[in-house]
C-alpha atoms as a PDB file:
ATOM      1  CA  MET A   1    -145.349  64.497  58.683  1.00  0.00           C
ATOM      2  CA  SER A   2    -145.679  67.116  55.976  1.00  0.00           C
ATOM      3  CA  THR A   3    -146.303  66.216  52.372  1.00  0.00           C
ATOM      4  CA  THR A   4    -145.618  68.867  49.795  1.00  0.00           C
ATOM      5  CA  THR A   5    -147.202  68.809  46.399  1.00  0.00           C
ATOM      6  CA  PRO A   6    -144.759  69.611  43.613  1.00  0.00           C
ATOM      7  CA  GLN A   7    -145.497  72.914  41.948  1.00  0.00           C
ATOM      8  CA  LYS A   8    -147.219  72.606  38.592  1.00  0.00           C
ATOM      9  CA  ILE A   9    -145.651  73.958  35.419  1.00  0.00           C
ATOM     10  CA  LYS A  10    -147.418  77.119  34.218  1.00  0.00           C
ATOM     11  CA  VAL A  11    -148.251  76.601  30.541  1.00  0.00           C
ATOM     12  CA  ALA A  12    -149.711  78.679  27.729  1.00  0.00           C
ATOM     13  CA  THR A  13    -150.622  77.708  24.190  1.00  0.00           C
ATOM     14  CA  ILE A  14    -151.438  80.024  21.338  1.00  0.00           C
ATOM     15  CA  TRP A  15    -152.963  79.464  17.933  1.00  0.00           C
ATOM     16  CA  ILE A  16    -152.006  82.197  15.494  1.00  0.00           C
ATOM     17  CA  ASP A  17    -152.025  81.862  11.671  1.00  0.00           C
ATOM     18  CA  GLY A  18    -152.577  78.155  11.218  1.00  0.00           C
ATOM     19  CA  CYS A  19    -155.389  75.636  11.021  1.00  0.00           C
ATOM     20  CA  SER A  20    -155.671  74.560  14.700  1.00  0.00           C
ATOM     21  CA  GLY A  21    -154.421  71.096  13.748  1.00  0.00           C
ATOM     22  CA  CYS A  22    -151.647  71.253  16.344  1.00  0.00           C
ATOM     23  CA  HIS A  23    -154.164  72.014  19.099  1.00  0.00           C
ATOM     24  CA  MET A  24    -156.357  69.169  17.823  1.00  0.00           C
ATOM     25  CA  SER A  25    -153.307  66.894  17.988  1.00  0.00           C
ATOM     26  CA  PHE A  26    -152.697  68.119  21.557  1.00  0.00           C
ATOM     27  CA  LEU A  27    -156.267  67.084  22.419  1.00  0.00           C
ATOM     28  CA  ASP A  28    -155.634  63.729  20.707  1.00  0.00           C
ATOM     29  CA  ILE A  29    -153.343  62.896  23.625  1.00  0.00           C
ATOM     30  CA  ASP A  30    -156.703  61.653  24.961  1.00  0.00           C
ATOM     31  CA  GLU A  31    -156.643  60.024  28.419  1.00  0.00           C
ATOM     32  CA  ARG A  32    -152.968  60.924  28.836  1.00  0.00           C
ATOM     33  CA  LEU A  33    -154.185  64.506  29.321  1.00  0.00           C
ATOM     34  CA  ILE A  34    -155.241  63.362  32.803  1.00  0.00           C
ATOM     35  CA  ASP A  35    -151.592  62.480  33.518  1.00  0.00           C
ATOM     36  CA  LEU A  36    -150.441  65.879  32.231  1.00  0.00           C
ATOM     37  CA  VAL A  37    -152.996  67.779  34.349  1.00  0.00           C
ATOM     38  CA  GLN A  38    -151.242  66.433  37.442  1.00  0.00           C
ATOM     39  CA  HIS A  39    -148.153  68.455  36.416  1.00  0.00           C
ATOM     40  CA  ILE A  40    -149.440  71.370  34.303  1.00  0.00           C
ATOM     41  CA  ASP A  41    -151.621  74.411  34.885  1.00  0.00           C
ATOM     42  CA  LEU A  42    -152.912  75.562  31.489  1.00  0.00           C
ATOM     43  CA  LEU A  43    -153.207  79.293  32.159  1.00  0.00           C
ATOM     44  CA  TYR A  44    -153.632  80.800  28.689  1.00  0.00           C
ATOM     45  CA  SER A  45    -154.884  78.967  25.595  1.00  0.00           C
ATOM     46  CA  PRO A  46    -157.728  78.761  23.111  1.00  0.00           C
ATOM     47  CA  LEU A  47    -158.643  75.686  25.169  1.00  0.00           C
ATOM     48  CA  VAL A  48    -159.364  77.775  28.295  1.00  0.00           C
ATOM     49  CA  ASP A  49    -161.217  81.030  28.873  1.00  0.00           C
ATOM     50  CA  MET A  50    -158.317  83.246  29.996  1.00  0.00           C
ATOM     51  CA  LYS A  51    -158.085  86.540  28.116  1.00  0.00           C
ATOM     52  CA  GLU A  52    -154.961  88.043  29.691  1.00  0.00           C
ATOM     53  CA  ILE A  53    -151.447  86.725  29.183  1.00  0.00           C
ATOM     54  CA  PRO A  54    -150.071  85.759  32.616  1.00  0.00           C
ATOM     55  CA  ALA A  55    -147.009  87.649  33.851  1.00  0.00           C
ATOM     56  CA  GLU A  56    -144.978  84.485  34.476  1.00  0.00           C
ATOM     57  CA  LEU A  57    -145.099  81.262  32.489  1.00  0.00           C
ATOM     58  CA  ASP A  58    -142.812  78.267  32.452  1.00  0.00           C
ATOM     59  CA  LEU A  59    -143.703  77.075  28.961  1.00  0.00           C
ATOM     60  CA  THR A  60    -145.502  78.362  25.870  1.00  0.00           C
ATOM     61  CA  LEU A  61    -146.417  76.310  22.807  1.00  0.00           C
ATOM     62  CA  VAL A  62    -146.959  78.414  19.675  1.00  0.00           C
ATOM     63  CA  GLU A  63    -148.984  77.029  16.770  1.00  0.00           C
ATOM     64  CA  GLY A  64    -148.990  78.927  13.478  1.00  0.00           C
ATOM     65  CA  ALA A  65    -146.997  81.528  11.595  1.00  0.00           C
ATOM     66  CA  VAL A  66    -146.739  85.174  12.627  1.00  0.00           C
ATOM     67  CA  SER A  67    -148.843  86.871   9.931  1.00  0.00           C
ATOM     68  CA  ASN A  68    -150.479  89.974  11.388  1.00  0.00           C
ATOM     69  CA  GLU A  69    -149.831  92.660  13.981  1.00  0.00           C
ATOM     70  CA  HIS A  70    -151.966  90.923  16.615  1.00  0.00           C
ATOM     71  CA  ASP A  71    -150.009  87.657  16.175  1.00  0.00           C
ATOM     72  CA  LEU A  72    -146.774  89.603  16.560  1.00  0.00           C
ATOM     73  CA  GLU A  73    -147.905  91.409  19.735  1.00  0.00           C
ATOM     74  CA  ARG A  74    -149.070  88.203  21.422  1.00  0.00           C
ATOM     75  CA  VAL A  75    -145.981  86.156  20.507  1.00  0.00           C
ATOM     76  CA  VAL A  76    -143.671  88.904  21.782  1.00  0.00           C
ATOM     77  CA  ALA A  77    -145.694  89.215  25.026  1.00  0.00           C
ATOM     78  CA  LEU A  78    -145.725  85.444  25.538  1.00  0.00           C
ATOM     79  CA  ARG A  79    -141.978  85.227  24.919  1.00  0.00           C
ATOM     80  CA  LYS A  80    -141.369  87.920  27.558  1.00  0.00           C
ATOM     81  CA  ALA A  81    -143.543  86.014  30.045  1.00  0.00           C
ATOM     82  CA  SER A  82    -142.176  82.526  29.254  1.00  0.00           C
ATOM     83  CA  LYS A  83    -139.070  80.742  30.415  1.00  0.00           C
ATOM     84  CA  PHE A  84    -139.272  78.245  27.527  1.00  0.00           C
ATOM     85  CA  MET A  85    -140.989  78.525  24.125  1.00  0.00           C
ATOM     86  CA  ILE A  86    -141.828  75.778  21.653  1.00  0.00           C
ATOM     87  CA  ALA A  87    -142.621  76.312  17.964  1.00  0.00           C
ATOM     88  CA  LEU A  88    -145.305  73.646  17.518  1.00  0.00           C
ATOM     89  CA  GLY A  89    -145.918  72.366  13.992  1.00  0.00           C
ATOM     90  CA  ASP A  90    -144.651  73.227  10.537  1.00  0.00           C
ATOM     91  CA  CYS A  91    -146.382  76.639  10.329  1.00  0.00           C
ATOM     92  CA  ALA A  92    -144.613  77.792  13.511  1.00  0.00           C
ATOM     93  CA  VAL A  93    -141.321  76.141  12.505  1.00  0.00           C
ATOM     94  CA  THR A  94    -141.101  77.187   8.812  1.00  0.00           C
ATOM     95  CA  GLY A  95    -144.061  79.461   8.027  1.00  0.00           C
ATOM     96  CA  ASN A  96    -145.535  76.609   5.942  1.00  0.00           C
ATOM     97  CA  VAL A  97    -148.941  77.327   4.338  1.00  0.00           C
ATOM     98  CA  PRO A  98    -149.408  80.893   5.693  1.00  0.00           C
ATOM     99  CA  SER A  99    -146.096  81.917   4.112  1.00  0.00           C
ATOM    100  CA  MET A 100    -147.177  80.767   0.651  1.00  0.00           C
ATOM    101  CA  ARG A 101    -148.355  84.337   0.082  1.00  0.00           C
ATOM    102  CA  ASN A 102    -144.853  85.756   0.602  1.00  0.00           C
ATOM    103  CA  PRO A 103    -143.507  85.396  -2.966  1.00  0.00           C
ATOM    104  CA  ILE A 104    -146.716  86.818  -4.430  1.00  0.00           C
ATOM    105  CA  GLY A 105    -146.892  89.895  -2.225  1.00  0.00           C
ATOM    106  CA  LEU A 106    -149.642  91.253  -0.039  1.00  0.00           C
ATOM    107  CA  LYS A 107    -151.377  93.573  -2.544  1.00  0.00           C
ATOM    108  CA  PRO A 108    -151.660  90.982  -5.356  1.00  0.00           C
ATOM    109  CA  CYS A 109    -153.083  88.455  -2.864  1.00  0.00           C
ATOM    110  CA  PHE A 110    -155.702  90.955  -1.692  1.00  0.00           C
ATOM    111  CA  ASP A 111    -156.570  91.945  -5.254  1.00  0.00           C
ATOM    112  CA  ARG A 112    -157.042  88.328  -6.317  1.00  0.00           C
ATOM    113  CA  ALA A 113    -159.057  87.264  -3.260  1.00  0.00           C
ATOM    114  CA  TYR A 114    -161.144  90.362  -2.632  1.00  0.00           C
ATOM    115  CA  GLN A 115    -161.405  92.104  -5.996  1.00  0.00           C
ATOM    116  CA  GLU A 116    -161.074  89.632  -8.869  1.00  0.00           C
ATOM    117  CA  MET A 117    -162.802  86.683  -7.163  1.00  0.00           C
ATOM    118  CA  ALA A 118    -165.494  88.659  -5.299  1.00  0.00           C
ATOM    119  CA  ASP A 119    -169.090  88.832  -6.466  1.00  0.00           C
ATOM    120  CA  ILE A 120    -169.552  92.157  -4.675  1.00  0.00           C
ATOM    121  CA  VAL A 121    -166.670  94.518  -3.929  1.00  0.00           C
ATOM    122  CA  VAL A 122    -167.474  96.818  -1.015  1.00  0.00           C
ATOM    123  CA  ASN A 123    -164.013  98.133  -0.153  1.00  0.00           C
ATOM    124  CA  ASP A 124    -160.412  97.075  -0.539  1.00  0.00           C
ATOM    125  CA  PRO A 125    -159.315  95.098   2.566  1.00  0.00           C
ATOM    126  CA  ALA A 126    -155.743  96.217   1.874  1.00  0.00           C
ATOM    127  CA  ASP A 127    -156.888  99.704   2.958  1.00  0.00           C
ATOM    128  CA  GLY A 128    -157.319  98.314   6.463  1.00  0.00           C
ATOM    129  CA  ASP A 129    -160.244  97.793   8.775  1.00  0.00           C
ATOM    130  CA  PRO A 130    -160.237  99.001  12.377  1.00  0.00           C
ATOM    131  CA  GLY A 131    -161.616  95.658  13.584  1.00  0.00           C
ATOM    132  CA  ILE A 132    -159.130  93.467  11.732  1.00  0.00           C
ATOM    133  CA  PRO A 133    -155.398  93.410  12.567  1.00  0.00           C
ATOM    134  CA  ALA A 134    -153.188  94.568   9.708  1.00  0.00           C
ATOM    135  CA  LEU A 135    -151.317  91.815   7.933  1.00  0.00           C
ATOM    136  CA  LEU A 136    -147.542  91.879   8.091  1.00  0.00           C
ATOM    137  CA  GLU A 137    -145.836  92.240   4.726  1.00  0.00           C
ATOM    138  CA  MET A 138    -144.497  88.683   5.137  1.00  0.00           C
ATOM    139  CA  ALA A 139    -145.774  85.700   7.148  1.00  0.00           C
ATOM    140  CA  LYS A 140    -142.907  84.473   9.331  1.00  0.00           C
ATOM    141  CA  PRO A 141    -141.997  81.402  11.334  1.00  0.00           C
ATOM    142  CA  VAL A 142    -141.930  82.111  15.066  1.00  0.00           C
ATOM    143  CA  HIS A 143    -138.124  82.023  15.399  1.00  0.00           C
ATOM    144  CA  GLU A 144    -137.810  84.990  13.016  1.00  0.00           C
ATOM    145  CA  VAL A 145    -139.697  87.119  15.563  1.00  0.00           C
ATOM    146  CA  VAL A 146    -138.653  85.775  18.988  1.00  0.00           C
ATOM    147  CA  THR A 147    -136.225  83.249  20.428  1.00  0.00           C
ATOM    148  CA  VAL A 148    -137.544  79.685  20.253  1.00  0.00           C
ATOM    149  CA  ASP A 149    -136.130  77.022  22.573  1.00  0.00           C
ATOM    150  CA  LEU A 150    -137.482  73.906  20.875  1.00  0.00           C
ATOM    151  CA  PHE A 151    -138.942  73.064  17.462  1.00  0.00           C
ATOM    152  CA  VAL A 152    -141.580  70.340  17.091  1.00  0.00           C
ATOM    153  CA  GLN A 153    -142.149  69.683  13.410  1.00  0.00           C
ATOM    154  CA  GLY A 154    -145.104  67.991  11.766  1.00  0.00           C
ATOM    155  CA  CYS A 155    -148.323  69.041  10.110  1.00  0.00           C
ATOM    156  CA  PRO A 156    -149.602  68.520  12.705  1.00  0.00           C
ATOM    157  CA  PRO A 157    -147.130  66.871  15.054  1.00  0.00           C
ATOM    158  CA  PRO A 158    -148.551  63.549  16.225  1.00  0.00           C
ATOM    159  CA  ALA A 159    -150.161  63.403  19.660  1.00  0.00           C
ATOM    160  CA  ASP A 160    -147.481  60.945  20.788  1.00  0.00           C
ATOM    161  CA  ALA A 161    -144.754  63.485  19.947  1.00  0.00           C
ATOM    162  CA  ILE A 162    -146.505  66.278  21.866  1.00  0.00           C
ATOM    163  CA  PHE A 163    -147.025  64.018  24.864  1.00  0.00           C
ATOM    164  CA  TYR A 164    -143.375  62.902  24.722  1.00  0.00           C
ATOM    165  CA  VAL A 165    -142.116  66.508  24.564  1.00  0.00           C
ATOM    166  CA  LEU A 166    -144.280  67.634  27.480  1.00  0.00           C
ATOM    167  CA  SER A 167    -143.458  64.535  29.552  1.00  0.00           C
ATOM    168  CA  GLU A 168    -139.728  65.028  29.038  1.00  0.00           C
ATOM    169  CA  LEU A 169    -139.923  68.712  29.978  1.00  0.00           C
ATOM    170  CA  ILE A 170    -141.960  67.877  33.091  1.00  0.00           C
ATOM    171  CA  ALA A 171    -139.245  65.372  34.052  1.00  0.00           C
ATOM    172  CA  GLY A 172    -136.608  68.092  33.632  1.00  0.00           C
ATOM    173  CA  ARG A 173    -135.104  66.633  30.462  1.00  0.00           C
ATOM    174  CA  VAL A 174    -134.683  68.278  27.060  1.00  0.00           C
ATOM    175  CA  PRO A 175    -136.582  66.161  24.521  1.00  0.00           C
ATOM    176  CA  ASP A 176    -135.535  65.323  20.971  1.00  0.00           C
ATOM    177  CA  PRO A 177    -138.822  65.601  19.034  1.00  0.00           C
ATOM    178  CA  THR A 178    -137.164  64.435  15.809  1.00  0.00           C
ATOM    179  CA  LEU A 179    -137.354  60.909  17.235  1.00  0.00           C
ATOM    180  CA  LEU A 180    -141.148  61.020  16.675  1.00  0.00           C
ATOM    181  CA  THR A 181    -141.740  63.723  14.071  1.00  0.00           C
ATOM    182  CA  ARG A 182    -140.951  64.783  10.543  1.00  0.00           C
ATOM    183  CA  PHE A 183    -141.962  67.678   8.335  1.00  0.00           C
ATOM    184  CA  GLY A 184    -145.374  67.386   6.735  1.00  0.00           C
ATOM    185  CA  ALA A 185    -146.487  64.344   8.673  1.00  0.00           C
END
């Protein structure tokens, strides 16, 4: 008699311009993570040591707004590799705190932070630095850059909501995260 093990879902998570609160909430799933590990292979994430984006993923969770060129490159690459993408948390869904700079403009933000408020001014960060990715003119929610399949609101979304969403997807159902989430909480 042959027993076949169901294939695990190949998952990636990414933390771009945000506070890591959504990843902390993911970890707050606590012992239920053991249940998820039976069904998920976490292949790319700040929680694992993989540096290369896998060629094929079933699911990607994106935390944070798209604010610089590096964010943009990784989100586009992950979207190409993923069958399903989730905008996780208010920064990914709306731009939230990272997008507060948008009405002010990039140059005035740099001037205030790195010229007016600095004790020592070495150079103007707006001129660029080869080791730091250039900021985009506007911070954007993920869906303004790539197609998003599901939005999970909250700042951060509660652990129960993340567990529910992942459990429903594992079971082959499309979850309704609004049953357990709301903006800003």
